[in-house]
Amino acid sequence: LLAIAVAPEENVTVVALQNELGLTTDELSFYMNRLD
């Protein structure tokens, strides 16, 4: 997320984020909610 914030011109999709982290949709939501 920090990398995305410092390079906002790069469009990162949710699918790309999931693939990079090896997470499912539910897992990504869980971790985003936890950080929140």
Full PDB file with SEQRES, HELIX, SHEET, SSBOND, CRYST1, ORIGX, SCALE, CONECT and MASTER records, all heavy atoms in Angstrom:
SEQRES   1 A   36  LEU LEU ALA ILE ALA VAL ALA PRO GLU GLU ASN VAL THR          
SEQRES   2 A   36  VAL VAL ALA LEU GLN ASN GLU LEU GLY LEU THR THR ASP          
SEQRES   3 A   36  GLU LEU SER PHE TYR MET ASN ARG LEU ASP                      
HELIX    1 AA1 LEU A    2  VAL A    6  1                                   5    
HELIX    2 AA2 VAL A   14  LEU A   21  1                                   8    
HELIX    3 AA3 THR A   25  LEU A   35  1                                  11    
CRYST1    1.000    1.000    1.000  90.00  90.00  90.00 P 1           1          
ORIGX1      1.000000  0.000000  0.000000        0.00000                         
ORIGX2      0.000000  1.000000  0.000000        0.00000                         
ORIGX3      0.000000  0.000000  1.000000        0.00000                         
SCALE1      1.000000  0.000000  0.000000        0.00000                         
SCALE2      0.000000  1.000000  0.000000        0.00000                         
SCALE3      0.000000  0.000000  1.000000        0.00000                         
ATOM      1  N   LEU A   1       0.826  -1.209   0.000  1.00  0.00           N  
ATOM      2  CA  LEU A   1       0.000   0.000   0.000  1.00  0.00           C  
ATOM      3  C   LEU A   1       0.861   1.261   0.000  1.00  0.00           C  
ATOM      4  O   LEU A   1       0.528   2.250  -0.666  1.00  0.00           O  
ATOM      5  CB  LEU A   1      -0.946   0.001   1.195  1.00  0.00           C  
ATOM      6  CG  LEU A   1      -2.020  -1.095   1.211  1.00  0.00           C  
ATOM      7  CD1 LEU A   1      -2.822  -1.029   2.501  1.00  0.00           C  
ATOM      8  CD2 LEU A   1      -2.916  -1.022  -0.013  1.00  0.00           C  
ATOM      9  N   LEU A   2       1.968   1.229   0.724  1.00  0.00           N  
ATOM     10  CA  LEU A   2       2.893   2.367   0.706  1.00  0.00           C  
ATOM     11  C   LEU A   2       3.484   2.568  -0.688  1.00  0.00           C  
ATOM     12  O   LEU A   2       3.620   3.703  -1.152  1.00  0.00           O  
ATOM     13  CB  LEU A   2       4.005   2.176   1.736  1.00  0.00           C  
ATOM     14  CG  LEU A   2       3.605   2.404   3.188  1.00  0.00           C  
ATOM     15  CD1 LEU A   2       4.671   1.853   4.124  1.00  0.00           C  
ATOM     16  CD2 LEU A   2       3.372   3.878   3.443  1.00  0.00           C  
ATOM     17  N   ALA A   3       3.833   1.471  -1.354  1.00  0.00           N  
ATOM     18  CA  ALA A   3       4.368   1.563  -2.720  1.00  0.00           C  
ATOM     19  C   ALA A   3       3.335   2.164  -3.664  1.00  0.00           C  
ATOM     20  O   ALA A   3       3.673   2.980  -4.533  1.00  0.00           O  
ATOM     21  CB  ALA A   3       4.813   0.185  -3.206  1.00  0.00           C  
ATOM     22  N   ILE A   4       2.077   1.779  -3.492  1.00  0.00           N  
ATOM     23  CA  ILE A   4       1.008   2.346  -4.322  1.00  0.00           C  
ATOM     24  C   ILE A   4       0.860   3.838  -4.034  1.00  0.00           C  
ATOM     25  O   ILE A   4       0.684   4.645  -4.948  1.00  0.00           O  
ATOM     26  CB  ILE A   4      -0.320   1.603  -4.069  1.00  0.00           C  
ATOM     27  CG1 ILE A   4      -0.222   0.163  -4.598  1.00  0.00           C  
ATOM     28  CG2 ILE A   4      -1.495   2.336  -4.701  1.00  0.00           C  
ATOM     29  CD1 ILE A   4      -1.366  -0.735  -4.167  1.00  0.00           C  
ATOM     30  N   ALA A   5       0.955   4.215  -2.772  1.00  0.00           N  
ATOM     31  CA  ALA A   5       0.785   5.614  -2.387  1.00  0.00           C  
ATOM     32  C   ALA A   5       1.879   6.513  -2.951  1.00  0.00           C  
ATOM     33  O   ALA A   5       1.614   7.666  -3.296  1.00  0.00           O  
ATOM     34  CB  ALA A   5       0.747   5.738  -0.865  1.00  0.00           C  
ATOM     35  N   VAL A   6       3.096   6.015  -3.048  1.00  0.00           N  
ATOM     36  CA  VAL A   6       4.187   6.856  -3.557  1.00  0.00           C  
ATOM     37  C   VAL A   6       4.274   6.852  -5.076  1.00  0.00           C  
ATOM     38  O   VAL A   6       4.992   7.660  -5.650  1.00  0.00           O  
ATOM     39  CB  VAL A   6       5.563   6.481  -2.947  1.00  0.00           C  
ATOM     40  CG1 VAL A   6       5.554   6.675  -1.446  1.00  0.00           C  
ATOM     41  CG2 VAL A   6       5.979   5.077  -3.310  1.00  0.00           C  
ATOM     42  N   ALA A   7       3.540   5.960  -5.714  1.00  0.00           N  
ATOM     43  CA  ALA A   7       3.501   5.922  -7.182  1.00  0.00           C  
ATOM     44  C   ALA A   7       2.049   5.842  -7.651  1.00  0.00           C  
ATOM     45  O   ALA A   7       1.636   4.861  -8.268  1.00  0.00           O  
ATOM     46  CB  ALA A   7       4.316   4.749  -7.705  1.00  0.00           C  
ATOM     47  N   PRO A   8       1.253   6.882  -7.354  1.00  0.00           N  
ATOM     48  CA  PRO A   8      -0.179   6.815  -7.675  1.00  0.00           C  
ATOM     49  C   PRO A   8      -0.481   6.782  -9.168  1.00  0.00           C  
ATOM     50  O   PRO A   8      -1.576   6.405  -9.568  1.00  0.00           O  
ATOM     51  CB  PRO A   8      -0.742   8.082  -7.027  1.00  0.00           C  
ATOM     52  CG  PRO A   8       0.410   9.016  -6.941  1.00  0.00           C  
ATOM     53  CD  PRO A   8       1.610   8.138  -6.743  1.00  0.00           C  
ATOM     54  N   GLU A   9       0.503   7.148  -9.988  1.00  0.00           N  
ATOM     55  CA  GLU A   9       0.274   7.119 -11.439  1.00  0.00           C  
ATOM     56  C   GLU A   9       0.194   5.693 -11.975  1.00  0.00           C  
ATOM     57  O   GLU A   9      -0.322   5.458 -13.054  1.00  0.00           O  
ATOM     58  CB  GLU A   9       1.358   7.910 -12.178  1.00  0.00           C  
ATOM     59  CG  GLU A   9       2.757   7.329 -12.099  1.00  0.00           C  
ATOM     60  CD  GLU A   9       3.501   7.648 -10.807  1.00  0.00           C  
ATOM     61  OE1 GLU A   9       3.005   8.407  -9.968  1.00  0.00           O  
ATOM     62  OE2 GLU A   9       4.605   7.120 -10.643  1.00  0.00           O  
ATOM     63  N   GLU A  10       0.695   4.733 -11.207  1.00  0.00           N  
ATOM     64  CA  GLU A  10       0.597   3.332 -11.611  1.00  0.00           C  
ATOM     65  C   GLU A  10      -0.737   2.782 -11.145  1.00  0.00           C  
ATOM     66  O   GLU A  10      -1.039   2.789  -9.965  1.00  0.00           O  
ATOM     67  CB  GLU A  10       1.741   2.520 -11.005  1.00  0.00           C  
ATOM     68  CG  GLU A  10       3.092   2.881 -11.569  1.00  0.00           C  
ATOM     69  CD  GLU A  10       4.176   1.968 -11.039  1.00  0.00           C  
ATOM     70  OE1 GLU A  10       3.902   0.788 -10.790  1.00  0.00           O  
ATOM     71  OE2 GLU A  10       5.292   2.467 -10.880  1.00  0.00           O  
ATOM     72  N   ASN A  11      -1.539   2.335 -12.089  1.00  0.00           N  
ATOM     73  CA  ASN A  11      -2.852   1.802 -11.770  1.00  0.00           C  
ATOM     74  C   ASN A  11      -2.711   0.340 -11.341  1.00  0.00           C  
ATOM     75  O   ASN A  11      -2.314  -0.506 -12.118  1.00  0.00           O  
ATOM     76  CB  ASN A  11      -3.770   1.923 -12.994  1.00  0.00           C  
ATOM     77  CG  ASN A  11      -5.194   1.572 -12.653  1.00  0.00           C  
ATOM     78  OD1 ASN A  11      -5.577   1.515 -11.487  1.00  0.00           O  
ATOM     79  ND2 ASN A  11      -5.995   1.344 -13.674  1.00  0.00           N  
ATOM     80  N   VAL A  12      -3.010   0.056 -10.080  1.00  0.00           N  
ATOM     81  CA  VAL A  12      -2.912  -1.294  -9.542  1.00  0.00           C  
ATOM     82  C   VAL A  12      -4.320  -1.812  -9.327  1.00  0.00           C  
ATOM     83  O   VAL A  12      -5.101  -1.212  -8.586  1.00  0.00           O  
ATOM     84  CB  VAL A  12      -2.126  -1.324  -8.215  1.00  0.00           C  
ATOM     85  CG1 VAL A  12      -2.068  -2.729  -7.653  1.00  0.00           C  
ATOM     86  CG2 VAL A  12      -0.738  -0.755  -8.410  1.00  0.00           C  
ATOM     87  N   THR A  13      -4.647  -2.919  -9.958  1.00  0.00           N  
ATOM     88  CA  THR A  13      -5.980  -3.485  -9.802  1.00  0.00           C  
ATOM     89  C   THR A  13      -6.037  -4.358  -8.553  1.00  0.00           C  
ATOM     90  O   THR A  13      -5.008  -4.795  -8.030  1.00  0.00           O  
ATOM     91  CB  THR A  13      -6.360  -4.348 -11.020  1.00  0.00           C  
ATOM     92  OG1 THR A  13      -5.499  -5.491 -11.066  1.00  0.00           O  
ATOM     93  CG2 THR A  13      -6.259  -3.558 -12.318  1.00  0.00           C  
ATOM     94  N   VAL A  14      -7.239  -4.616  -8.111  1.00  0.00           N  
ATOM     95  CA  VAL A  14      -7.444  -5.496  -6.963  1.00  0.00           C  
ATOM     96  C   VAL A  14      -6.916  -6.887  -7.277  1.00  0.00           C  
ATOM     97  O   VAL A  14      -6.268  -7.517  -6.437  1.00  0.00           O  
ATOM     98  CB  VAL A  14      -8.938  -5.544  -6.565  1.00  0.00           C  
ATOM     99  CG1 VAL A  14      -9.193  -6.599  -5.506  1.00  0.00           C  
ATOM    100  CG2 VAL A  14      -9.400  -4.185  -6.078  1.00  0.00           C  
ATOM    101  N   VAL A  15      -7.162  -7.353  -8.484  1.00  0.00           N  
ATOM    102  CA  VAL A  15      -6.682  -8.679  -8.881  1.00  0.00           C  
ATOM    103  C   VAL A  15      -5.158  -8.729  -8.847  1.00  0.00           C  
ATOM    104  O   VAL A  15      -4.571  -9.694  -8.353  1.00  0.00           O  
ATOM    105  CB  VAL A  15      -7.218  -9.058 -10.287  1.00  0.00           C  
ATOM    106  CG1 VAL A  15      -6.585 -10.345 -10.787  1.00  0.00           C  
ATOM    107  CG2 VAL A  15      -8.739  -9.182 -10.246  1.00  0.00           C  
ATOM    108  N   ALA A  16      -4.506  -7.681  -9.322  1.00  0.00           N  
ATOM    109  CA  ALA A  16      -3.042  -7.641  -9.281  1.00  0.00           C  
ATOM    110  C   ALA A  16      -2.545  -7.647  -7.840  1.00  0.00           C  
ATOM    111  O   ALA A  16      -1.566  -8.324  -7.514  1.00  0.00           O  
ATOM    112  CB  ALA A  16      -2.523  -6.417 -10.022  1.00  0.00           C  
ATOM    113  N   LEU A  17      -3.219  -6.907  -6.990  1.00  0.00           N  
ATOM    114  CA  LEU A  17      -2.859  -6.871  -5.573  1.00  0.00           C  
ATOM    115  C   LEU A  17      -3.036  -8.246  -4.938  1.00  0.00           C  
ATOM    116  O   LEU A  17      -2.158  -8.731  -4.223  1.00  0.00           O  
ATOM    117  CB  LEU A  17      -3.716  -5.828  -4.854  1.00  0.00           C  
ATOM    118  CG  LEU A  17      -3.435  -5.543  -3.395  1.00  0.00           C  
ATOM    119  CD1 LEU A  17      -1.997  -5.083  -3.194  1.00  0.00           C  
ATOM    120  CD2 LEU A  17      -4.400  -4.497  -2.865  1.00  0.00           C  
ATOM    121  N   GLN A  18      -4.144  -8.899  -5.226  1.00  0.00           N  
ATOM    122  CA  GLN A  18      -4.379 -10.249  -4.713  1.00  0.00           C  
ATOM    123  C   GLN A  18      -3.310 -11.216  -5.213  1.00  0.00           C  
ATOM    124  O   GLN A  18      -2.789 -12.023  -4.433  1.00  0.00           O  
ATOM    125  CB  GLN A  18      -5.760 -10.755  -5.148  1.00  0.00           C  
ATOM    126  CG  GLN A  18      -6.907 -10.113  -4.426  1.00  0.00           C  
ATOM    127  CD  GLN A  18      -8.225 -10.584  -4.972  1.00  0.00           C  
ATOM    128  OE1 GLN A  18      -8.865  -9.877  -5.728  1.00  0.00           O  
ATOM    129  NE2 GLN A  18      -8.620 -11.782  -4.610  1.00  0.00           N  
ATOM    130  N   ASN A  19      -2.992 -11.141  -6.484  1.00  0.00           N  
ATOM    131  CA  ASN A  19      -1.978 -12.037  -7.051  1.00  0.00           C  
ATOM    132  C   ASN A  19      -0.608 -11.796  -6.433  1.00  0.00           C  
ATOM    133  O   ASN A  19       0.120 -12.743  -6.135  1.00  0.00           O  
ATOM    134  CB  ASN A  19      -1.912 -11.878  -8.570  1.00  0.00           C  
ATOM    135  CG  ASN A  19      -3.123 -12.439  -9.266  1.00  0.00           C  
ATOM    136  OD1 ASN A  19      -3.859 -13.252  -8.706  1.00  0.00           O  
ATOM    137  ND2 ASN A  19      -3.362 -11.990 -10.480  1.00  0.00           N  
ATOM    138  N   GLU A  20      -0.253 -10.535  -6.247  1.00  0.00           N  
ATOM    139  CA  GLU A  20       1.050 -10.200  -5.668  1.00  0.00           C  
ATOM    140  C   GLU A  20       1.176 -10.741  -4.247  1.00  0.00           C  
ATOM    141  O   GLU A  20       2.235 -11.225  -3.836  1.00  0.00           O  
ATOM    142  CB  GLU A  20       1.252  -8.686  -5.658  1.00  0.00           C  
ATOM    143  CG  GLU A  20       2.589  -8.262  -5.096  1.00  0.00           C  
ATOM    144  CD  GLU A  20       2.802  -6.761  -5.166  1.00  0.00           C  
ATOM    145  OE1 GLU A  20       2.184  -6.092  -6.007  1.00  0.00           O  
ATOM    146  OE2 GLU A  20       3.606  -6.266  -4.362  1.00  0.00           O  
ATOM    147  N   LEU A  21       0.081 -10.671  -3.503  1.00  0.00           N  
ATOM    148  CA  LEU A  21       0.102 -11.097  -2.108  1.00  0.00           C  
ATOM    149  C   LEU A  21      -0.315 -12.552  -1.912  1.00  0.00           C  
ATOM    150  O   LEU A  21      -0.190 -13.087  -0.810  1.00  0.00           O  
ATOM    151  CB  LEU A  21      -0.809 -10.188  -1.275  1.00  0.00           C  
ATOM    152  CG  LEU A  21      -0.426  -8.710  -1.271  1.00  0.00           C  
ATOM    153  CD1 LEU A  21      -1.510  -7.882  -0.613  1.00  0.00           C  
ATOM    154  CD2 LEU A  21       0.911  -8.514  -0.574  1.00  0.00           C  
ATOM    155  N   GLY A  22      -0.845 -13.175  -2.964  1.00  0.00           N  
ATOM    156  CA  GLY A  22      -1.305 -14.551  -2.852  1.00  0.00           C  
ATOM    157  C   GLY A  22      -2.538 -14.685  -1.976  1.00  0.00           C  
ATOM    158  O   GLY A  22      -2.664 -15.653  -1.223  1.00  0.00           O  
ATOM    159  N   LEU A  23      -3.448 -13.714  -2.078  1.00  0.00           N  
ATOM    160  CA  LEU A  23      -4.645 -13.705  -1.246  1.00  0.00           C  
ATOM    161  C   LEU A  23      -5.903 -13.874  -2.083  1.00  0.00           C  
ATOM    162  O   LEU A  23      -5.959 -13.445  -3.226  1.00  0.00           O  
ATOM    163  CB  LEU A  23      -4.756 -12.375  -0.487  1.00  0.00           C  
ATOM    164  CG  LEU A  23      -3.631 -12.018   0.472  1.00  0.00           C  
ATOM    165  CD1 LEU A  23      -3.835 -10.614   1.022  1.00  0.00           C  
ATOM    166  CD2 LEU A  23      -3.542 -13.030   1.593  1.00  0.00           C  
ATOM    167  N   THR A  24      -6.922 -14.474  -1.470  1.00  0.00           N  
ATOM    168  CA  THR A  24      -8.235 -14.522  -2.091  1.00  0.00           C  
ATOM    169  C   THR A  24      -8.952 -13.207  -1.829  1.00  0.00           C  
ATOM    170  O   THR A  24      -8.483 -12.370  -1.038  1.00  0.00           O  
ATOM    171  CB  THR A  24      -9.082 -15.667  -1.502  1.00  0.00           C  
ATOM    172  OG1 THR A  24      -9.354 -15.371  -0.122  1.00  0.00           O  
ATOM    173  CG2 THR A  24      -8.383 -17.012  -1.623  1.00  0.00           C  
ATOM    174  N   THR A  25     -10.096 -13.025  -2.450  1.00  0.00           N  
ATOM    175  CA  THR A  25     -10.893 -11.821  -2.223  1.00  0.00           C  
ATOM    176  C   THR A  25     -11.269 -11.686  -0.753  1.00  0.00           C  
ATOM    177  O   THR A  25     -11.151 -10.607  -0.170  1.00  0.00           O  
ATOM    178  CB  THR A  25     -12.168 -11.864  -3.092  1.00  0.00           C  
ATOM    179  OG1 THR A  25     -11.778 -11.953  -4.465  1.00  0.00           O  
ATOM    180  CG2 THR A  25     -13.029 -10.641  -2.886  1.00  0.00           C  
ATOM    181  N   ASP A  26     -11.716 -12.781  -0.161  1.00  0.00           N  
ATOM    182  CA  ASP A  26     -12.097 -12.747   1.258  1.00  0.00           C  
ATOM    183  C   ASP A  26     -10.907 -12.425   2.154  1.00  0.00           C  
ATOM    184  O   ASP A  26     -11.034 -11.662   3.116  1.00  0.00           O  
ATOM    185  CB  ASP A  26     -12.703 -14.090   1.686  1.00  0.00           C  
ATOM    186  CG  ASP A  26     -14.080 -14.338   1.083  1.00  0.00           C  
ATOM    187  OD1 ASP A  26     -14.710 -13.375   0.603  1.00  0.00           O  
ATOM    188  OD2 ASP A  26     -14.518 -15.504   1.097  1.00  0.00           O  
ATOM    189  N   GLU A  27      -9.760 -12.998   1.847  1.00  0.00           N  
ATOM    190  CA  GLU A  27      -8.565 -12.738   2.658  1.00  0.00           C  
ATOM    191  C   GLU A  27      -8.117 -11.289   2.546  1.00  0.00           C  
ATOM    192  O   GLU A  27      -7.764 -10.661   3.556  1.00  0.00           O  
ATOM    193  CB  GLU A  27      -7.425 -13.677   2.241  1.00  0.00           C  
ATOM    194  CG  GLU A  27      -7.670 -15.125   2.603  1.00  0.00           C  
ATOM    195  CD  GLU A  27      -6.676 -16.072   1.951  1.00  0.00           C  
ATOM    196  OE1 GLU A  27      -6.146 -15.764   0.860  1.00  0.00           O  
ATOM    197  OE2 GLU A  27      -6.446 -17.140   2.540  1.00  0.00           O  
ATOM    198  N   LEU A  28      -8.142 -10.743   1.337  1.00  0.00           N  
ATOM    199  CA  LEU A  28      -7.754  -9.340   1.157  1.00  0.00           C  
ATOM    200  C   LEU A  28      -8.696  -8.438   1.949  1.00  0.00           C  
ATOM    201  O   LEU A  28      -8.251  -7.518   2.635  1.00  0.00           O  
ATOM    202  CB  LEU A  28      -7.746  -8.954  -0.317  1.00  0.00           C  
ATOM    203  CG  LEU A  28      -7.357  -7.509  -0.627  1.00  0.00           C  
ATOM    204  CD1 LEU A  28      -5.971  -7.174  -0.087  1.00  0.00           C  
ATOM    205  CD2 LEU A  28      -7.427  -7.249  -2.128  1.00  0.00           C  
ATOM    206  N   SER A  29      -9.990  -8.695   1.883  1.00  0.00           N  
ATOM    207  CA  SER A  29     -10.956  -7.917   2.656  1.00  0.00           C  
ATOM    208  C   SER A  29     -10.685  -8.035   4.146  1.00  0.00           C  
ATOM    209  O   SER A  29     -10.735  -7.043   4.879  1.00  0.00           O  
ATOM    210  CB  SER A  29     -12.386  -8.378   2.355  1.00  0.00           C  
ATOM    211  OG  SER A  29     -12.746  -8.065   1.039  1.00  0.00           O  
ATOM    212  N   PHE A  30     -10.388  -9.240   4.609  1.00  0.00           N  
ATOM    213  CA  PHE A  30     -10.088  -9.458   6.017  1.00  0.00           C  
ATOM    214  C   PHE A  30      -8.895  -8.615   6.459  1.00  0.00           C  
ATOM    215  O   PHE A  30      -8.953  -7.926   7.486  1.00  0.00           O  
ATOM    216  CB  PHE A  30      -9.810 -10.940   6.284  1.00  0.00           C  
ATOM    217  CG  PHE A  30      -9.288 -11.205   7.672  1.00  0.00           C  
ATOM    218  CD1 PHE A  30     -10.145 -11.297   8.748  1.00  0.00           C  
ATOM    219  CD2 PHE A  30      -7.919 -11.345   7.897  1.00  0.00           C  
ATOM    220  CE1 PHE A  30      -9.664 -11.527  10.031  1.00  0.00           C  
ATOM    221  CE2 PHE A  30      -7.427 -11.575   9.178  1.00  0.00           C  
ATOM    222  CZ  PHE A  30      -8.298 -11.664  10.246  1.00  0.00           C  
ATOM    223  N   TYR A  31      -7.813  -8.665   5.697  1.00  0.00           N  
ATOM    224  CA  TYR A  31      -6.608  -7.931   6.074  1.00  0.00           C  
ATOM    225  C   TYR A  31      -6.784  -6.417   5.958  1.00  0.00           C  
ATOM    226  O   TYR A  31      -6.259  -5.660   6.780  1.00  0.00           O  
ATOM    227  CB  TYR A  31      -5.391  -8.421   5.284  1.00  0.00           C  
ATOM    228  CG  TYR A  31      -4.911  -9.760   5.771  1.00  0.00           C  
ATOM    229  CD1 TYR A  31      -5.025 -10.895   4.989  1.00  0.00           C  
ATOM    230  CD2 TYR A  31      -4.358  -9.898   7.041  1.00  0.00           C  
ATOM    231  CE1 TYR A  31      -4.601 -12.132   5.453  1.00  0.00           C  
ATOM    232  CE2 TYR A  31      -3.933 -11.125   7.515  1.00  0.00           C  
ATOM    233  CZ  TYR A  31      -4.053 -12.239   6.722  1.00  0.00           C  
ATOM    234  OH  TYR A  31      -3.639 -13.462   7.192  1.00  0.00           O  
ATOM    235  N   MET A  32      -7.523  -5.962   4.955  1.00  0.00           N  
ATOM    236  CA  MET A  32      -7.792  -4.524   4.849  1.00  0.00           C  
ATOM    237  C   MET A  32      -8.633  -4.072   6.048  1.00  0.00           C  
ATOM    238  O   MET A  32      -8.365  -3.017   6.626  1.00  0.00           O  
ATOM    239  CB  MET A  32      -8.500  -4.204   3.531  1.00  0.00           C  
ATOM    240  CG  MET A  32      -7.640  -4.434   2.299  1.00  0.00           C  
ATOM    241  SD  MET A  32      -6.214  -3.325   2.171  1.00  0.00           S  
ATOM    242  CE  MET A  32      -7.011  -1.806   1.689  1.00  0.00           C  
ATOM    243  N   ASN A  33      -9.617  -4.868   6.423  1.00  0.00           N  
ATOM    244  CA  ASN A  33     -10.436  -4.534   7.594  1.00  0.00           C  
ATOM    245  C   ASN A  33      -9.595  -4.534   8.870  1.00  0.00           C  
ATOM    246  O   ASN A  33      -9.802  -3.712   9.762  1.00  0.00           O  
ATOM    247  CB  ASN A  33     -11.614  -5.501   7.733  1.00  0.00           C  
ATOM    248  CG  ASN A  33     -12.708  -5.217   6.744  1.00  0.00           C  
ATOM    249  OD1 ASN A  33     -12.921  -4.082   6.336  1.00  0.00           O  
ATOM    250  ND2 ASN A  33     -13.414  -6.255   6.338  1.00  0.00           N  
ATOM    251  N   ARG A  34      -8.665  -5.454   8.959  1.00  0.00           N  
ATOM    252  CA  ARG A  34      -7.805  -5.510  10.150  1.00  0.00           C  
ATOM    253  C   ARG A  34      -6.931  -4.250  10.241  1.00  0.00           C  
ATOM    254  O   ARG A  34      -6.797  -3.663  11.308  1.00  0.00           O  
ATOM    255  CB  ARG A  34      -6.936  -6.762  10.109  1.00  0.00           C  
ATOM    256  CG  ARG A  34      -5.920  -6.804  11.224  1.00  0.00           C  
ATOM    257  CD  ARG A  34      -5.932  -8.066  12.016  1.00  0.00           C  
ATOM    258  NE  ARG A  34      -4.696  -8.195  12.772  1.00  0.00           N  
ATOM    259  CZ  ARG A  34      -4.524  -7.686  13.995  1.00  0.00           C  
ATOM    260  NH1 ARG A  34      -5.488  -7.038  14.587  1.00  0.00           N  
ATOM    261  NH2 ARG A  34      -3.376  -7.843  14.614  1.00  0.00           N  
ATOM    262  N   LEU A  35      -6.352  -3.830   9.117  1.00  0.00           N  
ATOM    263  CA  LEU A  35      -5.550  -2.603   9.121  1.00  0.00           C  
ATOM    264  C   LEU A  35      -6.415  -1.391   9.462  1.00  0.00           C  
ATOM    265  O   LEU A  35      -5.962  -0.475  10.150  1.00  0.00           O  
ATOM    266  CB  LEU A  35      -4.855  -2.412   7.771  1.00  0.00           C  
ATOM    267  CG  LEU A  35      -3.811  -3.472   7.397  1.00  0.00           C  
ATOM    268  CD1 LEU A  35      -3.231  -3.172   6.017  1.00  0.00           C  
ATOM    269  CD2 LEU A  35      -2.717  -3.579   8.442  1.00  0.00           C  
ATOM    270  N   ASP A  36      -7.652  -1.409   9.003  1.00  0.00           N  
ATOM    271  CA  ASP A  36      -8.600  -0.348   9.348  1.00  0.00           C  
ATOM    272  C   ASP A  36      -8.886  -0.385  10.851  1.00  0.00           C  
ATOM    273  O   ASP A  36      -8.841   0.644  11.533  1.00  0.00           O  
ATOM    274  CB  ASP A  36      -9.883  -0.528   8.545  1.00  0.00           C  
ATOM    275  CG  ASP A  36     -10.820   0.666   8.611  1.00  0.00           C  
ATOM    276  OD1 ASP A  36     -10.584   1.592   9.416  1.00  0.00           O  
ATOM    277  OD2 ASP A  36     -11.803   0.663   7.860  1.00  0.00           O  
TER     278      ASP A  36                                                      
MASTER        0    0    0    3    0    0    0    6  277    1    0    3          
END                                                                             
